[in-house]
Amino acid sequence: MGAQIRVYRQKISSTTSMRKIFKAMELIATSRIGKARARVAASLPYANAITRAVSAVASQSEIDHPLVTEPTQIRRAAVLVISADRGLAGSYSATVLKQAVGLTELLHEEGKEVKTYVMGRKAQAYFDFRNLSYERVWTGNTDAPEFGTAREVRAALLEAFAADYEEGGVDEIHVVYTRFKSMVTQEPTVIRLLPLEVVEEQAASESDLLPLYEFEPEAEQVLDALLPRYIESRIFAAMLQAAASELAARQRAMKSAGDNATDLIKKYTRLRNTARQAEITQELSEIVAGADALNAS
């Protein structure tokens, strides 16, 4: 009986230590998510402005540019998967990886080859464990993205897009990430980055019409300068959305884990007290039985 009480005490001690860790990680995620949401909001004005500029050039100009022209045949697609570097975020990475696998299967059904680009150690581990190939991987600071990483990703994707099919080039580029909608809702999302589908983060009003531009130099040269910046802004916006989603998922997961640890501590405490009471009852019974035996003798 004493050994059983020691086991419960050890479980209570270890669970209490784990609860402290969960609480600390919850507080860290809570403190960082405000900054992540602020970065998402701060990125919108630039993203919307460059989106409007690209929209104006693409819609008001009769041009044939490879970044805005739909190819006659799409034979190979690139898929960028944005996941997390660390775990303890509930089903965050699993959900976005499931979305990426679904997109890959859909592209294969359409007869397209797929080249995968991976961001985050969780996605890297997923592909390595299943012996699935990927072209490049970027890891580190998925919960605090840096613009330099977005620029590197943009360069790699545009290089593949500009290459010929025989040289391993791709005809379209997709991005799979998690869109932050609220603290309790994060939605896995797929966007086609190229050929260009102009999508503005905030809906414009009916009176907010695209301005008329006169291009100097030619419109093609304007697109050559604008589109790389537009692509990296879209990638960076997806990284910021994913970072905010990751932190929100981690905060929820750690709160749930802390609550479960509290329930376990209560359960183990109750079992320990029950075992202790049983031990005391047994000792009292033995004392009474011994006293009765002495009186009888």
C-alpha atoms as a PDB file:
ATOM      1  CA  MET A   1       0.000   0.000   0.000  1.00  0.00           C
ATOM      2  CA  GLY A   2       2.878   2.369   0.811  1.00  0.00           C
ATOM      3  CA  ALA A   3       4.435   1.679  -2.598  1.00  0.00           C
ATOM      4  CA  GLN A   4       1.158   2.627  -4.279  1.00  0.00           C
ATOM      5  CA  ILE A   5       1.084   5.942  -2.407  1.00  0.00           C
ATOM      6  CA  ARG A   6       4.675   6.664  -3.529  1.00  0.00           C
ATOM      7  CA  VAL A   7       3.683   5.991  -7.154  1.00  0.00           C
ATOM      8  CA  TYR A   8       0.817   8.471  -6.913  1.00  0.00           C
ATOM      9  CA  ARG A   9       3.086  11.069  -5.302  1.00  0.00           C
ATOM     10  CA  GLN A  10       5.600  10.684  -8.140  1.00  0.00           C
ATOM     11  CA  LYS A  11       2.837  11.053 -10.727  1.00  0.00           C
ATOM     12  CA  ILE A  12       1.518  14.168  -8.987  1.00  0.00           C
ATOM     13  CA  SER A  13       5.018  15.674  -8.890  1.00  0.00           C
ATOM     14  CA  SER A  14       5.796  14.937 -12.565  1.00  0.00           C
ATOM     15  CA  THR A  15       2.379  16.144 -13.753  1.00  0.00           C
ATOM     16  CA  THR A  16       2.764  19.351 -11.731  1.00  0.00           C
ATOM     17  CA  SER A  17       6.131  19.994 -13.414  1.00  0.00           C
ATOM     18  CA  MET A  18       4.591  19.404 -16.840  1.00  0.00           C
ATOM     19  CA  ARG A  19       1.720  21.752 -16.018  1.00  0.00           C
ATOM     20  CA  LYS A  20       4.236  24.499 -15.221  1.00  0.00           C
ATOM     21  CA  ILE A  21       5.863  23.964 -18.632  1.00  0.00           C
ATOM     22  CA  PHE A  22       2.490  24.038 -20.405  1.00  0.00           C
ATOM     23  CA  LYS A  23       1.535  27.231 -18.572  1.00  0.00           C
ATOM     24  CA  ALA A  24       4.835  28.891 -19.475  1.00  0.00           C
ATOM     25  CA  MET A  25       4.460  27.975 -23.152  1.00  0.00           C
ATOM     26  CA  GLU A  26       0.862  29.198 -23.137  1.00  0.00           C
ATOM     27  CA  LEU A  27       1.954  32.562 -21.706  1.00  0.00           C
ATOM     28  CA  ILE A  28       4.779  32.853 -24.258  1.00  0.00           C
ATOM     29  CA  ALA A  29       2.429  32.111 -27.156  1.00  0.00           C
ATOM     30  CA  THR A  30      -0.149  34.547 -25.777  1.00  0.00           C
ATOM     31  CA  SER A  31       2.419  37.320 -25.476  1.00  0.00           C
ATOM     32  CA  ARG A  32       3.780  36.746 -28.996  1.00  0.00           C
ATOM     33  CA  ILE A  33       0.512  36.380 -30.865  1.00  0.00           C
ATOM     34  CA  GLY A  34      -0.311  40.067 -30.399  1.00  0.00           C
ATOM     35  CA  LYS A  35       2.879  41.019 -32.228  1.00  0.00           C
ATOM     36  CA  ALA A  36       2.194  38.423 -34.929  1.00  0.00           C
ATOM     37  CA  ARG A  37      -1.301  39.806 -35.544  1.00  0.00           C
ATOM     38  CA  ALA A  38       0.101  43.335 -35.653  1.00  0.00           C
ATOM     39  CA  ARG A  39       2.620  42.252 -38.310  1.00  0.00           C
ATOM     40  CA  VAL A  40      -0.204  40.746 -40.376  1.00  0.00           C
ATOM     41  CA  ALA A  41      -2.165  43.999 -40.161  1.00  0.00           C
ATOM     42  CA  ALA A  42       0.922  46.094 -40.945  1.00  0.00           C
ATOM     43  CA  SER A  43       1.649  44.077 -44.092  1.00  0.00           C
ATOM     44  CA  LEU A  44      -1.790  44.694 -45.601  1.00  0.00           C
ATOM     45  CA  PRO A  45      -1.346  48.298 -46.851  1.00  0.00           C
ATOM     46  CA  TYR A  46       1.774  47.455 -48.874  1.00  0.00           C
ATOM     47  CA  ALA A  47       0.264  44.187 -50.138  1.00  0.00           C
ATOM     48  CA  ASN A  48      -2.940  45.948 -51.193  1.00  0.00           C
ATOM     49  CA  ALA A  49      -1.068  48.815 -52.867  1.00  0.00           C
ATOM     50  CA  ILE A  50       1.190  46.568 -54.934  1.00  0.00           C
ATOM     51  CA  THR A  51      -1.785  44.328 -55.731  1.00  0.00           C
ATOM     52  CA  ARG A  52      -3.655  47.313 -57.147  1.00  0.00           C
ATOM     53  CA  ALA A  53      -0.638  48.366 -59.159  1.00  0.00           C
ATOM     54  CA  VAL A  54      -0.179  44.904 -60.662  1.00  0.00           C
ATOM     55  CA  SER A  55      -3.935  44.636 -61.285  1.00  0.00           C
ATOM     56  CA  ALA A  56      -3.888  47.932 -63.144  1.00  0.00           C
ATOM     57  CA  VAL A  57      -0.982  46.889 -65.325  1.00  0.00           C
ATOM     58  CA  ALA A  58      -2.354  43.415 -66.030  1.00  0.00           C
ATOM     59  CA  SER A  59      -5.967  44.465 -66.703  1.00  0.00           C
ATOM     60  CA  GLN A  60      -5.464  47.698 -68.659  1.00  0.00           C
ATOM     61  CA  SER A  61      -2.663  46.593 -70.918  1.00  0.00           C
ATOM     62  CA  GLU A  62      -2.789  44.282 -73.907  1.00  0.00           C
ATOM     63  CA  ILE A  63       0.448  42.504 -73.080  1.00  0.00           C
ATOM     64  CA  ASP A  64       1.757  38.971 -73.323  1.00  0.00           C
ATOM     65  CA  HIS A  65       3.807  38.407 -70.193  1.00  0.00           C
ATOM     66  CA  PRO A  66       4.684  34.885 -68.953  1.00  0.00           C
ATOM     67  CA  LEU A  67       3.739  35.726 -65.371  1.00  0.00           C
ATOM     68  CA  VAL A  68       0.172  36.736 -66.266  1.00  0.00           C
ATOM     69  CA  THR A  69      -0.504  34.522 -69.291  1.00  0.00           C
ATOM     70  CA  GLU A  70      -2.135  31.132 -68.820  1.00  0.00           C
ATOM     71  CA  PRO A  71      -0.009  28.452 -70.533  1.00  0.00           C
ATOM     72  CA  THR A  72      -1.656  26.273 -73.166  1.00  0.00           C
ATOM     73  CA  GLN A  73      -0.558  23.112 -71.345  1.00  0.00           C
ATOM     74  CA  ILE A  74       0.384  22.724 -67.679  1.00  0.00           C
ATOM     75  CA  ARG A  75       2.670  19.730 -67.294  1.00  0.00           C
ATOM     76  CA  ARG A  76       4.447  20.415 -64.000  1.00  0.00           C
ATOM     77  CA  ALA A  77       3.437  22.389 -60.894  1.00  0.00           C
ATOM     78  CA  ALA A  78       5.372  23.605 -57.872  1.00  0.00           C
ATOM     79  CA  VAL A  79       3.818  23.442 -54.399  1.00  0.00           C
ATOM     80  CA  LEU A  80       5.172  25.472 -51.484  1.00  0.00           C
ATOM     81  CA  VAL A  81       4.092  23.999 -48.112  1.00  0.00           C
ATOM     82  CA  ILE A  82       4.363  26.296 -45.071  1.00  0.00           C
ATOM     83  CA  SER A  83       4.312  24.414 -41.756  1.00  0.00           C
ATOM     84  CA  ALA A  84       5.873  24.874 -38.296  1.00  0.00           C
ATOM     85  CA  ASP A  85       9.376  24.323 -36.979  1.00  0.00           C
ATOM     86  CA  ARG A  86       8.179  23.105 -33.583  1.00  0.00           C
ATOM     87  CA  GLY A  87       5.386  20.936 -32.295  1.00  0.00           C
ATOM     88  CA  LEU A  88       3.094  21.366 -29.296  1.00  0.00           C
ATOM     89  CA  ALA A  89       0.639  23.253 -31.499  1.00  0.00           C
ATOM     90  CA  GLY A  90      -2.175  20.754 -31.688  1.00  0.00           C
ATOM     91  CA  SER A  91      -3.096  19.663 -35.211  1.00  0.00           C
ATOM     92  CA  TYR A  92      -1.686  22.797 -36.857  1.00  0.00           C
ATOM     93  CA  SER A  93       1.029  21.139 -38.958  1.00  0.00           C
ATOM     94  CA  ALA A  94      -0.981  17.957 -39.553  1.00  0.00           C
ATOM     95  CA  THR A  95      -3.872  19.963 -41.004  1.00  0.00           C
ATOM     96  CA  VAL A  96      -1.770  21.959 -43.448  1.00  0.00           C
ATOM     97  CA  LEU A  97       0.138  18.818 -44.493  1.00  0.00           C
ATOM     98  CA  LYS A  98      -3.151  17.037 -45.129  1.00  0.00           C
ATOM     99  CA  GLN A  99      -4.191  19.947 -47.346  1.00  0.00           C
ATOM    100  CA  ALA A 100      -0.879  19.762 -49.210  1.00  0.00           C
ATOM    101  CA  VAL A 101      -1.240  16.013 -49.770  1.00  0.00           C
ATOM    102  CA  GLY A 102      -4.769  16.531 -51.083  1.00  0.00           C
ATOM    103  CA  LEU A 103      -3.544  19.204 -53.505  1.00  0.00           C
ATOM    104  CA  THR A 104      -0.705  16.957 -54.703  1.00  0.00           C
ATOM    105  CA  GLU A 105      -3.116  14.079 -55.351  1.00  0.00           C
ATOM    106  CA  LEU A 106      -5.434  16.422 -57.252  1.00  0.00           C
ATOM    107  CA  LEU A 107      -2.590  17.678 -59.433  1.00  0.00           C
ATOM    108  CA  HIS A 108      -1.498  14.097 -60.150  1.00  0.00           C
ATOM    109  CA  GLU A 109      -5.047  13.200 -61.152  1.00  0.00           C
ATOM    110  CA  GLU A 110      -4.929  16.107 -63.623  1.00  0.00           C
ATOM    111  CA  GLY A 111      -1.804  14.578 -65.153  1.00  0.00           C
ATOM    112  CA  LYS A 112       0.647  17.095 -63.718  1.00  0.00           C
ATOM    113  CA  GLU A 113       4.018  16.420 -62.171  1.00  0.00           C
ATOM    114  CA  VAL A 114       4.625  18.046 -58.796  1.00  0.00           C
ATOM    115  CA  LYS A 115       7.767  19.637 -57.372  1.00  0.00           C
ATOM    116  CA  THR A 116       7.471  20.339 -53.654  1.00  0.00           C
ATOM    117  CA  TYR A 117       9.147  23.151 -51.720  1.00  0.00           C
ATOM    118  CA  VAL A 118       9.023  22.839 -47.948  1.00  0.00           C
ATOM    119  CA  MET A 119       9.081  25.431 -45.162  1.00  0.00           C
ATOM    120  CA  GLY A 120       9.278  24.252 -41.544  1.00  0.00           C
ATOM    121  CA  ARG A 121      10.880  21.265 -39.834  1.00  0.00           C
ATOM    122  CA  LYS A 122       7.537  19.516 -39.331  1.00  0.00           C
ATOM    123  CA  ALA A 123       6.900  19.347 -43.069  1.00  0.00           C
ATOM    124  CA  GLN A 124      10.507  18.322 -43.671  1.00  0.00           C
ATOM    125  CA  ALA A 125      10.197  15.478 -41.146  1.00  0.00           C
ATOM    126  CA  TYR A 126       6.907  14.404 -42.736  1.00  0.00           C
ATOM    127  CA  PHE A 127       8.441  14.106 -46.205  1.00  0.00           C
ATOM    128  CA  ASP A 128      11.674  12.510 -44.948  1.00  0.00           C
ATOM    129  CA  PHE A 129       9.815   9.866 -42.913  1.00  0.00           C
ATOM    130  CA  ARG A 130       7.777   8.832 -45.974  1.00  0.00           C
ATOM    131  CA  ASN A 131      10.735   9.056 -48.372  1.00  0.00           C
ATOM    132  CA  LEU A 132       8.967  11.751 -50.387  1.00  0.00           C
ATOM    133  CA  SER A 133      11.174  14.040 -52.419  1.00  0.00           C
ATOM    134  CA  TYR A 134      11.267  17.825 -52.206  1.00  0.00           C
ATOM    135  CA  GLU A 135      13.353  20.412 -54.020  1.00  0.00           C
ATOM    136  CA  ARG A 136      14.340  22.811 -51.231  1.00  0.00           C
ATOM    137  CA  VAL A 137      13.618  23.362 -47.563  1.00  0.00           C
ATOM    138  CA  TRP A 138      13.655  26.470 -45.385  1.00  0.00           C
ATOM    139  CA  THR A 139      13.647  26.090 -41.605  1.00  0.00           C
ATOM    140  CA  GLY A 140      13.935  28.388 -38.600  1.00  0.00           C
ATOM    141  CA  ASN A 141      11.697  31.144 -37.224  1.00  0.00           C
ATOM    142  CA  THR A 142       8.420  29.965 -38.715  1.00  0.00           C
ATOM    143  CA  ASP A 143       6.670  31.664 -35.780  1.00  0.00           C
ATOM    144  CA  ALA A 144       8.595  34.905 -36.447  1.00  0.00           C
ATOM    145  CA  PRO A 145       9.092  35.113 -40.245  1.00  0.00           C
ATOM    146  CA  GLU A 146      11.817  37.231 -41.805  1.00  0.00           C
ATOM    147  CA  PHE A 147      11.427  39.027 -45.123  1.00  0.00           C
ATOM    148  CA  GLY A 148      14.791  37.713 -46.289  1.00  0.00           C
ATOM    149  CA  THR A 149      13.380  34.185 -46.235  1.00  0.00           C
ATOM    150  CA  ALA A 150      10.438  35.273 -48.386  1.00  0.00           C
ATOM    151  CA  ARG A 151      12.900  36.793 -50.855  1.00  0.00           C
ATOM    152  CA  GLU A 152      14.854  33.516 -51.026  1.00  0.00           C
ATOM    153  CA  VAL A 153      11.668  31.529 -51.610  1.00  0.00           C
ATOM    154  CA  ARG A 154      10.552  33.957 -54.303  1.00  0.00           C
ATOM    155  CA  ALA A 155      13.892  33.647 -56.087  1.00  0.00           C
ATOM    156  CA  ALA A 156      13.758  29.833 -56.033  1.00  0.00           C
ATOM    157  CA  LEU A 157      10.167  29.679 -57.260  1.00  0.00           C
ATOM    158  CA  LEU A 158      10.617  32.261 -60.017  1.00  0.00           C
ATOM    159  CA  GLU A 159      13.782  30.483 -61.150  1.00  0.00           C
ATOM    160  CA  ALA A 160      11.825  27.245 -61.507  1.00  0.00           C
ATOM    161  CA  PHE A 161       8.962  29.082 -63.227  1.00  0.00           C
ATOM    162  CA  ALA A 162      11.294  30.739 -65.729  1.00  0.00           C
ATOM    163  CA  ALA A 163      13.100  27.486 -66.613  1.00  0.00           C
ATOM    164  CA  ASP A 164      12.022  25.295 -69.516  1.00  0.00           C
ATOM    165  CA  TYR A 165      10.122  22.090 -68.858  1.00  0.00           C
ATOM    166  CA  GLU A 166      13.048  19.992 -70.110  1.00  0.00           C
ATOM    167  CA  GLU A 167      15.297  21.702 -67.558  1.00  0.00           C
ATOM    168  CA  GLY A 168      12.966  20.955 -64.651  1.00  0.00           C
ATOM    169  CA  GLY A 169      10.877  24.113 -64.919  1.00  0.00           C
ATOM    170  CA  VAL A 170       7.278  24.430 -63.716  1.00  0.00           C
ATOM    171  CA  ASP A 171       4.190  25.898 -65.361  1.00  0.00           C
ATOM    172  CA  GLU A 172       2.322  26.982 -62.232  1.00  0.00           C
ATOM    173  CA  ILE A 173       3.030  27.607 -58.544  1.00  0.00           C
ATOM    174  CA  HIS A 174       0.751  26.897 -55.578  1.00  0.00           C
ATOM    175  CA  VAL A 175       1.157  27.869 -51.919  1.00  0.00           C
ATOM    176  CA  VAL A 176      -0.363  25.881 -49.036  1.00  0.00           C
ATOM    177  CA  TYR A 177      -0.506  27.705 -45.710  1.00  0.00           C
ATOM    178  CA  THR A 178      -2.829  28.384 -42.774  1.00  0.00           C
ATOM    179  CA  ARG A 179      -4.863  31.584 -42.868  1.00  0.00           C
ATOM    180  CA  PHE A 180      -5.435  33.306 -39.534  1.00  0.00           C
ATOM    181  CA  LYS A 181      -9.110  34.232 -39.133  1.00  0.00           C
ATOM    182  CA  SER A 182      -9.437  34.524 -35.350  1.00  0.00           C
ATOM    183  CA  MET A 183      -7.941  33.171 -32.141  1.00  0.00           C
ATOM    184  CA  VAL A 184     -10.162  30.106 -32.385  1.00  0.00           C
ATOM    185  CA  THR A 185     -10.302  29.688 -36.173  1.00  0.00           C
ATOM    186  CA  GLN A 186      -7.370  29.036 -38.496  1.00  0.00           C
ATOM    187  CA  GLU A 187      -8.088  27.741 -41.961  1.00  0.00           C
ATOM    188  CA  PRO A 188      -5.724  25.746 -44.222  1.00  0.00           C
ATOM    189  CA  THR A 189      -5.660  27.578 -47.545  1.00  0.00           C
ATOM    190  CA  VAL A 190      -4.375  26.942 -51.075  1.00  0.00           C
ATOM    191  CA  ILE A 191      -3.627  29.796 -53.474  1.00  0.00           C
ATOM    192  CA  ARG A 192      -2.239  29.681 -56.973  1.00  0.00           C
ATOM    193  CA  LEU A 193       0.628  32.127 -57.080  1.00  0.00           C
ATOM    194  CA  LEU A 194       1.527  31.855 -60.770  1.00  0.00           C
ATOM    195  CA  PRO A 195       0.274  32.351 -63.421  1.00  0.00           C
ATOM    196  CA  LEU A 196      -0.945  35.454 -61.717  1.00  0.00           C
ATOM    197  CA  GLU A 197      -4.315  35.473 -60.017  1.00  0.00           C
ATOM    198  CA  VAL A 198      -4.616  38.933 -58.536  1.00  0.00           C
ATOM    199  CA  VAL A 199      -6.233  38.644 -55.098  1.00  0.00           C
ATOM    200  CA  GLU A 200      -6.491  41.658 -52.808  1.00  0.00           C
ATOM    201  CA  GLU A 201      -6.502  40.985 -49.075  1.00  0.00           C
ATOM    202  CA  GLN A 202      -9.302  43.456 -48.382  1.00  0.00           C
ATOM    203  CA  ALA A 203     -12.276  43.945 -50.670  1.00  0.00           C
ATOM    204  CA  ALA A 204     -12.426  47.286 -52.386  1.00  0.00           C
ATOM    205  CA  SER A 205     -15.598  49.353 -52.535  1.00  0.00           C
ATOM    206  CA  GLU A 206     -17.412  49.961 -55.803  1.00  0.00           C
ATOM    207  CA  SER A 207     -16.055  53.510 -55.969  1.00  0.00           C
ATOM    208  CA  ASP A 208     -12.496  52.275 -55.387  1.00  0.00           C
ATOM    209  CA  LEU A 209     -11.742  51.760 -59.068  1.00  0.00           C
ATOM    210  CA  LEU A 210      -8.372  50.943 -60.520  1.00  0.00           C
ATOM    211  CA  PRO A 211      -6.534  54.084 -61.660  1.00  0.00           C
ATOM    212  CA  LEU A 212      -5.479  54.669 -65.239  1.00  0.00           C
ATOM    213  CA  TYR A 213      -1.739  54.555 -65.767  1.00  0.00           C
ATOM    214  CA  GLU A 214       0.551  55.710 -68.517  1.00  0.00           C
ATOM    215  CA  PHE A 215       3.584  53.443 -68.571  1.00  0.00           C
ATOM    216  CA  GLU A 216       7.108  54.675 -68.881  1.00  0.00           C
ATOM    217  CA  PRO A 217       8.919  52.550 -69.972  1.00  0.00           C
ATOM    218  CA  GLU A 218       6.779  49.835 -71.556  1.00  0.00           C
ATOM    219  CA  ALA A 219       4.175  47.883 -69.591  1.00  0.00           C
ATOM    220  CA  GLU A 220       6.215  44.674 -69.920  1.00  0.00           C
ATOM    221  CA  GLN A 221       9.159  46.337 -68.174  1.00  0.00           C
ATOM    222  CA  VAL A 222       6.858  47.629 -65.446  1.00  0.00           C
ATOM    223  CA  LEU A 223       5.592  44.087 -64.886  1.00  0.00           C
ATOM    224  CA  ASP A 224       9.156  42.784 -64.817  1.00  0.00           C
ATOM    225  CA  ALA A 225       9.829  45.144 -61.912  1.00  0.00           C
ATOM    226  CA  LEU A 226       6.483  44.818 -60.110  1.00  0.00           C
ATOM    227  CA  LEU A 227       5.734  41.112 -60.241  1.00  0.00           C
ATOM    228  CA  PRO A 228       8.774  39.823 -58.287  1.00  0.00           C
ATOM    229  CA  ARG A 229       7.919  42.273 -55.509  1.00  0.00           C
ATOM    230  CA  TYR A 230       4.283  41.239 -55.706  1.00  0.00           C
ATOM    231  CA  ILE A 231       5.180  37.536 -55.459  1.00  0.00           C
ATOM    232  CA  GLU A 232       7.466  38.007 -52.461  1.00  0.00           C
ATOM    233  CA  SER A 233       4.835  40.147 -50.740  1.00  0.00           C
ATOM    234  CA  ARG A 234       2.264  37.374 -51.224  1.00  0.00           C
ATOM    235  CA  ILE A 235       4.703  34.773 -49.896  1.00  0.00           C
ATOM    236  CA  PHE A 236       5.616  36.936 -46.902  1.00  0.00           C
ATOM    237  CA  ALA A 237       1.927  37.591 -46.191  1.00  0.00           C
ATOM    238  CA  ALA A 238       1.303  33.825 -46.220  1.00  0.00           C
ATOM    239  CA  MET A 239       4.242  33.329 -43.830  1.00  0.00           C
ATOM    240  CA  LEU A 240       2.852  35.976 -41.450  1.00  0.00           C
ATOM    241  CA  GLN A 241      -0.607  34.425 -41.553  1.00  0.00           C
ATOM    242  CA  ALA A 242       0.900  31.006 -40.862  1.00  0.00           C
ATOM    243  CA  ALA A 243       2.961  32.381 -37.947  1.00  0.00           C
ATOM    244  CA  ALA A 244      -0.098  33.939 -36.300  1.00  0.00           C
ATOM    245  CA  SER A 245      -2.025  30.694 -36.838  1.00  0.00           C
ATOM    246  CA  GLU A 246       0.789  28.629 -35.347  1.00  0.00           C
ATOM    247  CA  LEU A 247       0.958  30.760 -32.209  1.00  0.00           C
ATOM    248  CA  ALA A 248      -2.821  30.716 -31.786  1.00  0.00           C
ATOM    249  CA  ALA A 249      -2.869  26.931 -32.196  1.00  0.00           C
ATOM    250  CA  ARG A 250      -0.014  26.548 -29.699  1.00  0.00           C
ATOM    251  CA  GLN A 251      -1.731  28.812 -27.165  1.00  0.00           C
ATOM    252  CA  ARG A 252      -4.926  26.736 -27.421  1.00  0.00           C
ATOM    253  CA  ALA A 253      -3.053  23.438 -27.259  1.00  0.00           C
ATOM    254  CA  MET A 254      -1.034  24.469 -24.206  1.00  0.00           C
ATOM    255  CA  LYS A 255      -4.132  25.733 -22.404  1.00  0.00           C
ATOM    256  CA  SER A 256      -5.875  22.433 -23.094  1.00  0.00           C
ATOM    257  CA  ALA A 257      -2.804  20.487 -21.947  1.00  0.00           C
ATOM    258  CA  GLY A 258      -2.598  22.558 -18.764  1.00  0.00           C
ATOM    259  CA  ASP A 259      -6.276  21.953 -18.023  1.00  0.00           C
ATOM    260  CA  ASN A 260      -5.817  18.222 -18.598  1.00  0.00           C
ATOM    261  CA  ALA A 261      -2.790  18.229 -16.289  1.00  0.00           C
ATOM    262  CA  THR A 262      -4.875  19.901 -13.588  1.00  0.00           C
ATOM    263  CA  ASP A 263      -7.550  17.212 -13.962  1.00  0.00           C
ATOM    264  CA  LEU A 264      -4.904  14.486 -13.705  1.00  0.00           C
ATOM    265  CA  ILE A 265      -3.433  16.045 -10.558  1.00  0.00           C
ATOM    266  CA  LYS A 266      -6.891  16.074  -8.976  1.00  0.00           C
ATOM    267  CA  LYS A 267      -7.425  12.453 -10.000  1.00  0.00           C
ATOM    268  CA  TYR A 268      -4.046  11.281  -8.655  1.00  0.00           C
ATOM    269  CA  THR A 269      -4.564  13.257  -5.438  1.00  0.00           C
ATOM    270  CA  ARG A 270      -7.926  11.587  -4.910  1.00  0.00           C
ATOM    271  CA  LEU A 271      -6.439   8.136  -5.573  1.00  0.00           C
ATOM    272  CA  ARG A 272      -3.514   8.852  -3.239  1.00  0.00           C
ATOM    273  CA  ASN A 273      -5.876   9.943  -0.471  1.00  0.00           C
ATOM    274  CA  THR A 274      -8.020   6.868  -1.031  1.00  0.00           C
ATOM    275  CA  ALA A 275      -4.954   4.614  -0.804  1.00  0.00           C
ATOM    276  CA  ARG A 276      -3.764   6.428   2.301  1.00  0.00           C
ATOM    277  CA  GLN A 277      -7.161   6.072   3.972  1.00  0.00           C
ATOM    278  CA  ALA A 278      -7.211   2.383   3.087  1.00  0.00           C
ATOM    279  CA  GLU A 279      -3.739   1.982   4.583  1.00  0.00           C
ATOM    280  CA  ILE A 280      -4.793   3.764   7.803  1.00  0.00           C
ATOM    281  CA  THR A 281      -7.949   1.661   8.004  1.00  0.00           C
ATOM    282  CA  GLN A 282      -5.926  -1.505   7.577  1.00  0.00           C
ATOM    283  CA  GLU A 283      -3.478  -0.481  10.295  1.00  0.00           C
ATOM    284  CA  LEU A 284      -6.345   0.337  12.679  1.00  0.00           C
ATOM    285  CA  SER A 285      -7.969  -3.008  11.919  1.00  0.00           C
ATOM    286  CA  GLU A 286      -4.720  -4.795  12.687  1.00  0.00           C
ATOM    287  CA  ILE A 287      -4.321  -2.894  15.982  1.00  0.00           C
ATOM    288  CA  VAL A 288      -7.884  -3.690  17.023  1.00  0.00           C
ATOM    289  CA  ALA A 289      -7.478  -7.317  16.047  1.00  0.00           C
ATOM    290  CA  GLY A 290      -4.242  -7.536  18.032  1.00  0.00           C
ATOM    291  CA  ALA A 291      -5.868  -5.944  21.095  1.00  0.00           C
ATOM    292  CA  ASP A 292      -8.802  -8.357  20.861  1.00  0.00           C
ATOM    293  CA  ALA A 293      -6.400 -11.271  20.629  1.00  0.00           C
ATOM    294  CA  LEU A 294      -4.525 -10.110  23.746  1.00  0.00           C
ATOM    295  CA  ASN A 295      -7.770  -9.679  25.717  1.00  0.00           C
ATOM    296  CA  ALA A 296      -8.939 -13.126  24.647  1.00  0.00           C
ATOM    297  CA  SER A 297      -5.679 -14.703  25.823  1.00  0.00           C
END
